[in-house]
Amino acid sequence: MRTILLDTSAYSRLLVGDARVLDALGLADTVFMSVFVLGELHAGFLGGTKRQANEEMLQRFLSKPAVKILNATAETSEIFGTVKDGLRRAGTPLPINDVWIAAHTLETGSVLVSYDDHFRIVPGLRLW
């Protein structure tokens, strides 16, 4: 089973028909959406001019059978702590939401679909 976790940057590119994101979705059995990605999306919708249309599009996407929403668990928090501490010790911090997204990706063994190159510094994280 091929699982991916769609990051905020990739979801945004999906909305404009990005072929790479569409290909990744087409190859996936399961598409995870982290609650932290959803939070970033909702914040963006609130700051934009197409809030209702964006919310409706997101709900249609989330209703697809292959799409699963990931909530934070105790295991997620342990992985988050390990990743955050390792990045701190290396002097390479990431935005806090991205540490949570990395933790969810590691927890599920997924491939992270993202256009944010800074994820490359997270040990063990598989990127597309």
N, C-alpha and C. Protein backbone atom coordinates (compact mmCIF):
# COMPACT_ATOMS: atom_id res chain seq x y z
N MET A 1 0.84 -1.18 0.00
CA MET A 1 0.00 0.00 0.00
C MET A 1 0.89 1.25 0.00
N ARG A 2 0.63 2.16 -0.90
CA ARG A 2 1.39 3.41 -0.96
C ARG A 2 0.58 4.51 -0.29
N THR A 3 1.15 5.09 0.74
CA THR A 3 0.48 6.18 1.44
C THR A 3 1.28 7.46 1.30
N ILE A 4 0.55 8.55 1.16
CA ILE A 4 1.18 9.85 1.10
C ILE A 4 0.50 10.76 2.12
N LEU A 5 1.23 11.78 2.51
CA LEU A 5 0.65 12.84 3.33
C LEU A 5 0.80 14.12 2.52
N LEU A 6 -0.30 14.79 2.27
CA LEU A 6 -0.32 15.99 1.45
C LEU A 6 -0.11 17.21 2.32
N ASP A 7 0.95 17.95 2.05
CA ASP A 7 1.25 19.17 2.77
C ASP A 7 0.45 20.34 2.19
N THR A 8 0.44 21.43 2.92
CA THR A 8 -0.30 22.63 2.53
C THR A 8 0.15 23.13 1.15
N SER A 9 1.45 23.17 0.93
CA SER A 9 1.96 23.68 -0.35
C SER A 9 1.50 22.79 -1.52
N ALA A 10 1.46 21.49 -1.31
CA ALA A 10 1.04 20.57 -2.37
C ALA A 10 -0.46 20.67 -2.61
N TYR A 11 -1.24 20.80 -1.54
CA TYR A 11 -2.69 20.96 -1.71
C TYR A 11 -2.97 22.23 -2.51
N SER A 12 -2.27 23.30 -2.20
CA SER A 12 -2.46 24.57 -2.93
C SER A 12 -2.13 24.40 -4.40
N ARG A 13 -1.08 23.65 -4.68
CA ARG A 13 -0.70 23.41 -6.08
C ARG A 13 -1.69 22.48 -6.77
N LEU A 14 -2.29 21.57 -6.03
CA LEU A 14 -3.32 20.70 -6.58
C LEU A 14 -4.48 21.53 -7.12
N LEU A 15 -4.84 22.58 -6.41
CA LEU A 15 -5.98 23.41 -6.81
C LEU A 15 -5.78 24.11 -8.14
N VAL A 16 -4.52 24.27 -8.54
CA VAL A 16 -4.25 24.90 -9.84
C VAL A 16 -3.85 23.85 -10.89
N GLY A 17 -4.09 22.57 -10.56
CA GLY A 17 -3.88 21.49 -11.52
C GLY A 17 -2.45 21.03 -11.70
N ASP A 18 -1.62 21.17 -10.67
CA ASP A 18 -0.23 20.75 -10.74
C ASP A 18 -0.14 19.26 -11.09
N ALA A 19 0.52 18.96 -12.20
CA ALA A 19 0.60 17.58 -12.69
C ALA A 19 1.35 16.66 -11.74
N ARG A 20 2.39 17.16 -11.08
CA ARG A 20 3.17 16.31 -10.16
C ARG A 20 2.30 15.88 -8.98
N VAL A 21 1.52 16.80 -8.44
CA VAL A 21 0.65 16.45 -7.31
C VAL A 21 -0.44 15.49 -7.78
N LEU A 22 -1.01 15.76 -8.93
CA LEU A 22 -2.04 14.86 -9.47
C LEU A 22 -1.48 13.45 -9.67
N ASP A 23 -0.25 13.35 -10.17
CA ASP A 23 0.39 12.04 -10.35
C ASP A 23 0.58 11.33 -9.01
N ALA A 24 1.04 12.08 -8.00
CA ALA A 24 1.24 11.48 -6.66
C ALA A 24 -0.09 10.97 -6.11
N LEU A 25 -1.14 11.74 -6.29
CA LEU A 25 -2.46 11.31 -5.81
C LEU A 25 -2.93 10.06 -6.56
N GLY A 26 -2.67 10.03 -7.85
CA GLY A 26 -3.10 8.89 -8.66
C GLY A 26 -2.41 7.59 -8.29
N LEU A 27 -1.19 7.68 -7.76
CA LEU A 27 -0.44 6.49 -7.37
C LEU A 27 -0.71 6.05 -5.93
N ALA A 28 -1.38 6.88 -5.16
CA ALA A 28 -1.57 6.60 -3.73
C ALA A 28 -2.81 5.76 -3.47
N ASP A 29 -2.67 4.83 -2.54
CA ASP A 29 -3.82 4.09 -2.04
C ASP A 29 -4.52 4.88 -0.95
N THR A 30 -3.71 5.57 -0.14
CA THR A 30 -4.23 6.38 0.96
C THR A 30 -3.56 7.75 0.92
N VAL A 31 -4.38 8.78 1.10
CA VAL A 31 -3.90 10.16 1.14
C VAL A 31 -4.24 10.70 2.52
N PHE A 32 -3.22 10.94 3.32
CA PHE A 32 -3.44 11.50 4.65
C PHE A 32 -3.42 13.02 4.60
N MET A 33 -4.31 13.61 5.38
CA MET A 33 -4.33 15.06 5.60
C MET A 33 -4.21 15.27 7.10
N SER A 34 -3.13 15.88 7.51
CA SER A 34 -2.90 16.16 8.92
C SER A 34 -3.82 17.29 9.38
N VAL A 35 -4.28 17.21 10.62
CA VAL A 35 -5.09 18.31 11.16
C VAL A 35 -4.29 19.61 11.15
N PHE A 36 -2.97 19.52 11.16
CA PHE A 36 -2.14 20.72 11.15
C PHE A 36 -2.13 21.35 9.75
N VAL A 37 -2.19 20.52 8.71
CA VAL A 37 -2.34 21.03 7.35
C VAL A 37 -3.72 21.68 7.22
N LEU A 38 -4.73 21.01 7.74
CA LEU A 38 -6.09 21.57 7.67
C LEU A 38 -6.15 22.92 8.37
N GLY A 39 -5.49 23.04 9.51
CA GLY A 39 -5.47 24.32 10.21
C GLY A 39 -4.82 25.41 9.38
N GLU A 40 -3.71 25.08 8.72
CA GLU A 40 -3.05 26.07 7.86
C GLU A 40 -3.96 26.47 6.70
N LEU A 41 -4.66 25.49 6.13
CA LEU A 41 -5.57 25.79 5.02
C LEU A 41 -6.71 26.70 5.48
N HIS A 42 -7.32 26.37 6.61
CA HIS A 42 -8.44 27.19 7.11
C HIS A 42 -7.97 28.61 7.42
N ALA A 43 -6.79 28.76 7.97
CA ALA A 43 -6.25 30.10 8.24
C ALA A 43 -6.08 30.87 6.93
N GLY A 44 -5.60 30.19 5.91
CA GLY A 44 -5.44 30.82 4.61
C GLY A 44 -6.78 31.22 4.00
N PHE A 45 -7.77 30.35 4.16
CA PHE A 45 -9.10 30.66 3.62
C PHE A 45 -9.67 31.91 4.29
N LEU A 46 -9.45 32.03 5.59
CA LEU A 46 -9.97 33.19 6.32
C LEU A 46 -9.33 34.48 5.84
N GLY A 47 -8.10 34.41 5.39
CA GLY A 47 -7.39 35.60 4.92
C GLY A 47 -7.62 35.90 3.45
N GLY A 48 -8.34 35.04 2.76
CA GLY A 48 -8.54 35.20 1.32
C GLY A 48 -9.91 35.74 0.97
N THR A 49 -10.14 35.85 -0.32
CA THR A 49 -11.41 36.40 -0.82
C THR A 49 -12.38 35.32 -1.31
N LYS A 50 -11.95 34.05 -1.29
CA LYS A 50 -12.78 32.95 -1.79
C LYS A 50 -13.02 31.91 -0.72
N ARG A 51 -13.29 32.37 0.48
CA ARG A 51 -13.39 31.46 1.62
C ARG A 51 -14.39 30.34 1.40
N GLN A 52 -15.61 30.67 1.04
CA GLN A 52 -16.65 29.65 0.91
C GLN A 52 -16.30 28.64 -0.19
N ALA A 53 -15.84 29.12 -1.33
CA ALA A 53 -15.48 28.21 -2.42
C ALA A 53 -14.33 27.30 -2.00
N ASN A 54 -13.34 27.85 -1.31
CA ASN A 54 -12.20 27.04 -0.86
C ASN A 54 -12.63 26.01 0.17
N GLU A 55 -13.50 26.39 1.09
CA GLU A 55 -14.01 25.45 2.11
C GLU A 55 -14.78 24.31 1.44
N GLU A 56 -15.60 24.65 0.46
CA GLU A 56 -16.39 23.62 -0.24
C GLU A 56 -15.48 22.67 -1.01
N MET A 57 -14.47 23.22 -1.68
CA MET A 57 -13.52 22.38 -2.42
C MET A 57 -12.78 21.43 -1.47
N LEU A 58 -12.37 21.97 -0.32
CA LEU A 58 -11.66 21.13 0.65
C LEU A 58 -12.57 20.02 1.15
N GLN A 59 -13.82 20.33 1.45
CA GLN A 59 -14.75 19.30 1.93
C GLN A 59 -14.97 18.21 0.88
N ARG A 60 -15.05 18.60 -0.39
CA ARG A 60 -15.18 17.59 -1.45
C ARG A 60 -13.94 16.70 -1.50
N PHE A 61 -12.77 17.31 -1.37
CA PHE A 61 -11.53 16.53 -1.37
C PHE A 61 -11.49 15.57 -0.19
N LEU A 62 -11.84 16.07 1.00
CA LEU A 62 -11.78 15.24 2.20
C LEU A 62 -12.81 14.10 2.19
N SER A 63 -13.85 14.24 1.39
CA SER A 63 -14.89 13.20 1.34
C SER A 63 -14.52 12.05 0.41
N LYS A 64 -13.42 12.16 -0.30
CA LYS A 64 -12.99 11.06 -1.19
C LYS A 64 -12.60 9.84 -0.35
N PRO A 65 -12.93 8.64 -0.82
CA PRO A 65 -12.67 7.43 -0.03
C PRO A 65 -11.22 7.22 0.38
N ALA A 66 -10.27 7.62 -0.45
CA ALA A 66 -8.86 7.38 -0.14
C ALA A 66 -8.28 8.40 0.84
N VAL A 67 -9.00 9.48 1.10
CA VAL A 67 -8.48 10.56 1.93
C VAL A 67 -8.86 10.32 3.39
N LYS A 68 -7.86 10.39 4.26
CA LYS A 68 -8.06 10.17 5.70
C LYS A 68 -7.46 11.33 6.47
N ILE A 69 -8.22 11.85 7.43
CA ILE A 69 -7.73 12.94 8.28
C ILE A 69 -6.98 12.32 9.46
N LEU A 70 -5.78 12.86 9.72
CA LEU A 70 -4.97 12.41 10.85
C LEU A 70 -5.11 13.37 12.01
N ASN A 71 -5.54 12.86 13.13
CA ASN A 71 -5.56 13.64 14.37
C ASN A 71 -4.28 13.32 15.16
N ALA A 72 -3.89 14.22 16.02
CA ALA A 72 -2.71 13.99 16.84
C ALA A 72 -3.00 12.95 17.91
N THR A 73 -2.03 12.09 18.15
CA THR A 73 -2.14 11.05 19.17
C THR A 73 -0.97 11.21 20.14
N ALA A 74 -0.97 10.39 21.16
CA ALA A 74 0.17 10.38 22.08
C ALA A 74 1.44 10.00 21.33
N GLU A 75 1.34 9.06 20.39
CA GLU A 75 2.51 8.67 19.59
C GLU A 75 3.00 9.84 18.74
N THR A 76 2.05 10.59 18.15
CA THR A 76 2.44 11.76 17.37
C THR A 76 3.24 12.73 18.21
N SER A 77 2.78 12.94 19.46
CA SER A 77 3.46 13.91 20.32
C SER A 77 4.87 13.44 20.70
N GLU A 78 5.06 12.14 20.87
CA GLU A 78 6.40 11.62 21.16
C GLU A 78 7.33 11.82 19.97
N ILE A 79 6.83 11.52 18.77
CA ILE A 79 7.64 11.71 17.56
C ILE A 79 7.94 13.19 17.38
N PHE A 80 6.94 14.05 17.60
CA PHE A 80 7.14 15.50 17.52
C PHE A 80 8.28 15.93 18.44
N GLY A 81 8.26 15.45 19.68
CA GLY A 81 9.29 15.82 20.64
C GLY A 81 10.67 15.40 20.17
N THR A 82 10.78 14.20 19.64
CA THR A 82 12.06 13.71 19.15
C THR A 82 12.56 14.54 17.98
N VAL A 83 11.68 14.81 17.03
CA VAL A 83 12.06 15.59 15.84
C VAL A 83 12.44 17.01 16.25
N LYS A 84 11.62 17.64 17.07
CA LYS A 84 11.88 19.03 17.47
C LYS A 84 13.20 19.14 18.23
N ASP A 85 13.44 18.21 19.14
CA ASP A 85 14.69 18.23 19.90
C ASP A 85 15.90 18.01 18.98
N GLY A 86 15.78 17.06 18.06
CA GLY A 86 16.88 16.80 17.13
C GLY A 86 17.19 18.01 16.26
N LEU A 87 16.16 18.68 15.79
CA LEU A 87 16.37 19.87 14.97
C LEU A 87 16.98 21.01 15.79
N ARG A 88 16.55 21.14 17.03
CA ARG A 88 17.11 22.17 17.92
C ARG A 88 18.58 21.92 18.15
N ARG A 89 18.92 20.67 18.47
CA ARG A 89 20.32 20.32 18.73
C ARG A 89 21.20 20.55 17.49
N ALA A 90 20.62 20.34 16.31
CA ALA A 90 21.37 20.53 15.07
C ALA A 90 21.41 22.00 14.64
N GLY A 91 20.66 22.82 15.34
CA GLY A 91 20.60 24.23 14.98
C GLY A 91 19.83 24.50 13.71
N THR A 92 18.87 23.60 13.41
CA THR A 92 18.08 23.72 12.19
C THR A 92 16.58 23.65 12.49
N PRO A 93 16.05 24.62 13.20
CA PRO A 93 14.63 24.57 13.55
C PRO A 93 13.73 24.73 12.31
N LEU A 94 12.53 24.20 12.44
CA LEU A 94 11.49 24.34 11.41
C LEU A 94 10.31 25.07 12.03
N PRO A 95 9.43 25.64 11.18
CA PRO A 95 8.18 26.18 11.72
C PRO A 95 7.44 25.07 12.48
N ILE A 96 6.83 25.43 13.59
CA ILE A 96 6.24 24.44 14.50
C ILE A 96 5.22 23.53 13.82
N ASN A 97 4.36 24.10 12.95
CA ASN A 97 3.39 23.26 12.26
C ASN A 97 4.08 22.22 11.38
N ASP A 98 5.21 22.59 10.79
CA ASP A 98 5.92 21.64 9.93
C ASP A 98 6.56 20.52 10.74
N VAL A 99 6.91 20.78 11.98
CA VAL A 99 7.40 19.70 12.85
C VAL A 99 6.26 18.71 13.11
N TRP A 100 5.07 19.22 13.37
CA TRP A 100 3.90 18.35 13.57
C TRP A 100 3.60 17.55 12.30
N ILE A 101 3.65 18.20 11.15
CA ILE A 101 3.39 17.52 9.88
C ILE A 101 4.45 16.43 9.64
N ALA A 102 5.70 16.74 9.94
CA ALA A 102 6.76 15.73 9.82
C ALA A 102 6.48 14.56 10.77
N ALA A 103 6.05 14.86 11.98
CA ALA A 103 5.74 13.79 12.95
C ALA A 103 4.63 12.89 12.43
N HIS A 104 3.59 13.48 11.87
CA HIS A 104 2.51 12.67 11.30
C HIS A 104 3.00 11.81 10.15
N THR A 105 3.88 12.37 9.32
CA THR A 105 4.42 11.62 8.19
C THR A 105 5.25 10.43 8.67
N LEU A 106 6.09 10.67 9.66
CA LEU A 106 6.91 9.59 10.22
C LEU A 106 6.04 8.55 10.91
N GLU A 107 5.04 9.00 11.65
CA GLU A 107 4.16 8.08 12.37
C GLU A 107 3.45 7.12 11.43
N THR A 108 3.03 7.61 10.29
CA THR A 108 2.27 6.78 9.35
C THR A 108 3.14 6.05 8.33
N GLY A 109 4.44 6.39 8.31
CA GLY A 109 5.33 5.78 7.31
C GLY A 109 5.01 6.25 5.90
N SER A 110 4.39 7.40 5.79
CA SER A 110 3.98 7.94 4.49
C SER A 110 5.13 8.65 3.79
N VAL A 111 4.88 8.99 2.55
CA VAL A 111 5.75 9.86 1.78
C VAL A 111 5.12 11.25 1.85
N LEU A 112 5.91 12.25 2.21
CA LEU A 112 5.39 13.61 2.30
C LEU A 112 5.44 14.27 0.93
N VAL A 113 4.29 14.73 0.48
CA VAL A 113 4.19 15.46 -0.78
C VAL A 113 4.14 16.94 -0.41
N SER A 114 5.24 17.63 -0.70
CA SER A 114 5.38 19.03 -0.30
C SER A 114 6.32 19.74 -1.24
N TYR A 115 6.10 21.02 -1.42
CA TYR A 115 7.02 21.87 -2.17
C TYR A 115 7.96 22.63 -1.25
N ASP A 116 7.91 22.35 0.05
CA ASP A 116 8.77 23.03 1.02
C ASP A 116 10.05 22.21 1.21
N ASP A 117 11.14 22.72 0.66
CA ASP A 117 12.42 22.01 0.72
C ASP A 117 12.98 21.83 2.12
N HIS A 118 12.55 22.68 3.06
CA HIS A 118 13.15 22.60 4.40
C HIS A 118 12.82 21.27 5.11
N PHE A 119 11.85 20.53 4.61
CA PHE A 119 11.56 19.22 5.21
C PHE A 119 12.73 18.24 5.03
N ARG A 120 13.61 18.52 4.08
CA ARG A 120 14.74 17.62 3.81
C ARG A 120 15.66 17.44 5.01
N ILE A 121 15.61 18.36 5.95
CA ILE A 121 16.51 18.27 7.12
C ILE A 121 15.98 17.34 8.21
N VAL A 122 14.77 16.83 8.04
CA VAL A 122 14.19 15.94 9.06
C VAL A 122 14.68 14.51 8.82
N PRO A 123 15.47 13.97 9.75
CA PRO A 123 15.99 12.61 9.58
C PRO A 123 14.87 11.57 9.45
N GLY A 124 15.02 10.70 8.46
CA GLY A 124 14.08 9.61 8.28
C GLY A 124 12.81 9.96 7.53
N LEU A 125 12.61 11.24 7.24
CA LEU A 125 11.39 11.65 6.53
C LEU A 125 11.52 11.32 5.06
N ARG A 126 10.53 10.63 4.53
CA ARG A 126 10.54 10.29 3.10
C ARG A 126 9.78 11.37 2.34
N LEU A 127 10.47 11.97 1.39
CA LEU A 127 9.87 13.01 0.54
C LEU A 127 9.68 12.49 -0.87
N TRP A 128 8.71 12.99 -1.54
CA TRP A 128 8.47 12.57 -2.92
C TRP A 128 9.52 13.08 -3.85
